[in-house]
Amino acid sequence: MATMHAHPGHPGGSRMQGPPPLTPWSPDKKHSDRERWVCIYPAYINRKKSRQEGRRIPKQYCVDDPSPQEIRDVLQALNMNVLVELKQYPRERSRELQCRGRIRVQLRNDDGAPLNSEYATRDSILVHLGKTIPLLKSRQAKPQEQSQAAASSSAGQKKGKGKRR
């Protein structure tokens, strides 16, 4: 005779208190409810991905390996309501933590009018992200740091260890 036990919370772990969990979608939800917000995965604007792997816009508007944090920063600069979730894109092969992240963005008011008329659709937001992310300070600093690191590491190396006996 089997008895049903309620599954307790994760033992010994303290979970971060974030927003309440999302409820199932239904047509009566308002546009301001998080369940109605548009989902954006970094793969949508990743230049290294093919259309089959999840890229949604032409490569000319894409960037190399965008992170969910970069997408969040750009969208917050537009004063949009943004929510970052630790979800993985289903087509993503890598299970690493750095490949995870889904961004939800509110596009419309409760009356159905766009919050920002310039970015009324998902595609317009994706193109804006592709144009803006390369201009971020975090992106501008990366090539300089890499070239300096390469120069300093090659200067300090000796050539060979000599004969071993």
Protein backbone atom coordinates (compact mmCIF):
# COMPACT_ATOMS: atom_id res chain seq x y z
CA MET A 1 0.00 0.00 0.00
CA ALA A 2 1.69 3.19 -1.22
CA THR A 3 1.07 6.52 0.46
CA MET A 4 1.42 9.90 -1.20
CA HIS A 5 3.90 12.29 0.38
CA ALA A 6 4.08 15.99 -0.29
CA HIS A 7 7.43 16.86 -1.79
CA PRO A 8 9.21 19.22 0.64
CA GLY A 9 11.42 22.07 -0.51
CA HIS A 10 15.03 21.44 -1.45
CA PRO A 11 16.79 20.37 1.78
CA GLY A 12 19.42 22.71 3.10
CA GLY A 13 19.18 25.09 0.16
CA SER A 14 17.83 28.58 0.38
CA ARG A 15 16.16 29.62 -2.84
CA MET A 16 16.22 33.22 -3.96
CA GLN A 17 12.89 34.92 -3.57
CA GLY A 18 12.03 36.19 -7.03
CA PRO A 19 8.75 37.09 -8.64
CA PRO A 20 5.90 34.63 -8.14
CA PRO A 21 5.86 31.71 -10.59
CA LEU A 22 4.10 32.17 -13.91
CA THR A 23 0.64 30.70 -14.27
CA PRO A 24 -0.64 28.88 -17.38
CA TRP A 25 -1.55 31.08 -20.33
CA SER A 26 -5.17 31.90 -20.97
CA PRO A 27 -6.83 34.33 -23.38
CA ASP A 28 -8.37 36.37 -20.53
CA LYS A 29 -4.93 37.53 -19.35
CA LYS A 30 -4.11 41.21 -19.74
CA HIS A 31 -1.13 42.42 -21.75
CA SER A 32 0.46 43.61 -18.51
CA ASP A 33 0.51 40.05 -17.09
CA ARG A 34 3.97 38.50 -17.39
CA GLU A 35 2.51 35.45 -19.11
CA ARG A 36 1.60 37.64 -22.10
CA TRP A 37 5.04 39.21 -22.43
CA VAL A 38 7.19 38.26 -25.43
CA CYS A 39 10.05 35.78 -24.91
CA ILE A 40 13.50 36.50 -26.33
CA TYR A 41 16.33 33.97 -26.25
CA PRO A 42 19.93 35.04 -27.00
CA ALA A 43 20.02 32.48 -29.84
CA TYR A 44 17.53 34.67 -31.76
CA ILE A 45 20.26 37.28 -32.39
CA ASN A 46 23.39 35.10 -32.31
CA ARG A 47 25.39 35.47 -35.53
CA LYS A 48 27.01 32.06 -34.98
CA LYS A 49 23.66 30.26 -35.14
CA SER A 50 21.92 29.16 -38.32
CA ARG A 51 18.22 29.69 -38.90
CA GLN A 52 17.75 26.02 -38.11
CA GLU A 53 19.55 26.48 -34.77
CA GLY A 54 17.21 29.32 -33.81
CA ARG A 55 18.43 32.59 -35.31
CA ARG A 56 15.41 34.76 -36.16
CA ILE A 57 16.83 37.79 -37.99
CA PRO A 58 19.36 38.28 -40.84
CA LYS A 59 23.03 37.93 -39.88
CA GLN A 60 23.75 41.57 -40.71
CA TYR A 61 21.69 42.56 -37.64
CA CYS A 62 23.11 39.86 -35.34
CA VAL A 63 25.96 39.83 -32.81
CA ASP A 64 28.41 37.15 -31.68
CA ASP A 65 27.31 35.28 -28.53
CA PRO A 66 24.94 37.78 -26.89
CA SER A 67 24.30 37.24 -23.19
CA PRO A 68 20.94 37.59 -21.44
CA GLN A 69 22.46 40.35 -19.29
CA GLU A 70 23.40 42.40 -22.38
CA ILE A 71 19.89 42.01 -23.77
CA ARG A 72 18.41 43.03 -20.41
CA ASP A 73 20.64 46.13 -20.21
CA VAL A 74 19.65 47.33 -23.69
CA LEU A 75 15.93 46.78 -23.07
CA GLN A 76 16.06 48.51 -19.68
CA ALA A 77 17.72 51.50 -21.37
CA LEU A 78 14.55 51.70 -23.51
CA ASN A 79 12.49 51.80 -20.27
CA MET A 80 10.77 48.52 -21.12
CA ASN A 81 9.49 46.08 -18.52
CA VAL A 82 11.96 43.20 -18.52
CA LEU A 83 12.13 39.87 -16.68
CA VAL A 84 15.15 37.54 -16.92
CA GLU A 85 14.47 33.84 -16.36
CA LEU A 86 16.95 31.00 -15.98
CA LYS A 87 15.46 28.97 -18.82
CA GLN A 88 17.23 27.20 -21.66
CA TYR A 89 16.39 27.49 -25.33
CA PRO A 90 15.13 24.08 -26.50
CA ARG A 91 17.36 24.08 -29.61
CA GLU A 92 20.49 24.90 -27.59
CA ARG A 93 22.80 21.88 -27.50
CA SER A 94 25.10 23.10 -24.76
CA ARG A 95 23.78 22.56 -21.23
CA GLU A 96 26.23 25.02 -19.66
CA LEU A 97 24.95 27.74 -17.37
CA GLN A 98 26.31 30.53 -19.59
CA CYS A 99 24.05 29.34 -22.43
CA ARG A 100 20.93 29.75 -20.32
CA GLY A 101 18.65 32.72 -20.11
CA ARG A 102 15.29 33.84 -21.42
CA ILE A 103 14.17 37.43 -21.40
CA ARG A 104 10.50 38.39 -21.23
CA VAL A 105 9.52 41.85 -22.45
CA GLN A 106 6.20 43.65 -22.23
CA LEU A 107 5.28 45.02 -25.67
CA ARG A 108 1.71 46.22 -25.13
CA ASN A 109 -0.48 48.07 -22.62
CA ASP A 110 -3.65 46.49 -21.25
CA ASP A 111 -5.65 48.21 -24.01
CA GLY A 112 -3.46 46.52 -26.67
CA ALA A 113 -1.56 49.65 -27.73
CA PRO A 114 2.23 49.31 -28.01
CA LEU A 115 4.22 50.59 -25.03
CA ASN A 116 6.86 51.96 -27.39
CA SER A 117 5.59 52.71 -30.90
CA GLU A 118 9.13 52.49 -32.31
CA TYR A 119 9.50 48.90 -31.03
CA ALA A 120 5.99 47.49 -31.38
CA THR A 121 7.00 44.03 -32.62
CA ARG A 122 9.40 41.30 -31.54
CA ASP A 123 11.40 41.62 -34.78
CA SER A 124 11.88 45.38 -34.32
CA ILE A 125 13.25 44.72 -30.82
CA LEU A 126 15.58 41.98 -32.12
CA VAL A 127 16.99 44.28 -34.83
CA HIS A 128 17.50 47.04 -32.24
CA LEU A 129 19.31 44.59 -29.94
CA GLY A 130 21.57 43.50 -32.80
CA LYS A 131 22.51 47.11 -33.54
CA THR A 132 22.92 48.24 -29.92
CA ILE A 133 24.72 45.35 -28.15
CA PRO A 134 28.02 45.87 -30.06
CA LEU A 135 28.03 49.49 -28.79
CA LEU A 136 27.89 48.48 -25.10
CA LYS A 137 30.93 49.37 -23.00
CA SER A 138 31.35 45.74 -21.98
CA ARG A 139 31.69 44.81 -25.68
CA GLN A 140 34.03 47.70 -26.46
CA ALA A 141 36.50 46.73 -23.70
CA LYS A 142 36.76 43.04 -24.61
CA PRO A 143 38.98 43.26 -27.75
CA GLN A 144 41.50 45.54 -26.01
CA GLU A 145 41.76 43.25 -22.97
CA GLN A 146 42.26 40.20 -25.17
CA SER A 147 45.01 41.83 -27.24
CA GLN A 148 46.80 43.06 -24.10
CA ALA A 149 46.54 39.65 -22.47
CA ALA A 150 47.93 37.95 -25.58
CA ALA A 151 50.88 40.37 -25.76
CA SER A 152 51.80 40.01 -22.08
CA SER A 153 51.52 36.22 -22.07
CA SER A 154 53.72 35.77 -25.14
CA ALA A 155 56.38 38.17 -23.82
CA GLY A 156 56.88 36.26 -20.56
CA GLN A 157 57.29 32.80 -22.08
CA LYS A 158 60.65 31.09 -22.60
CA LYS A 159 61.34 29.07 -25.68
CA GLY A 160 61.81 25.45 -24.71
CA LYS A 161 63.22 23.90 -21.57
CA GLY A 162 66.51 22.76 -22.96
CA LYS A 163 67.77 19.18 -23.03
CA ARG A 164 66.35 16.72 -20.58
CA ARG A 165 68.71 14.08 -19.28
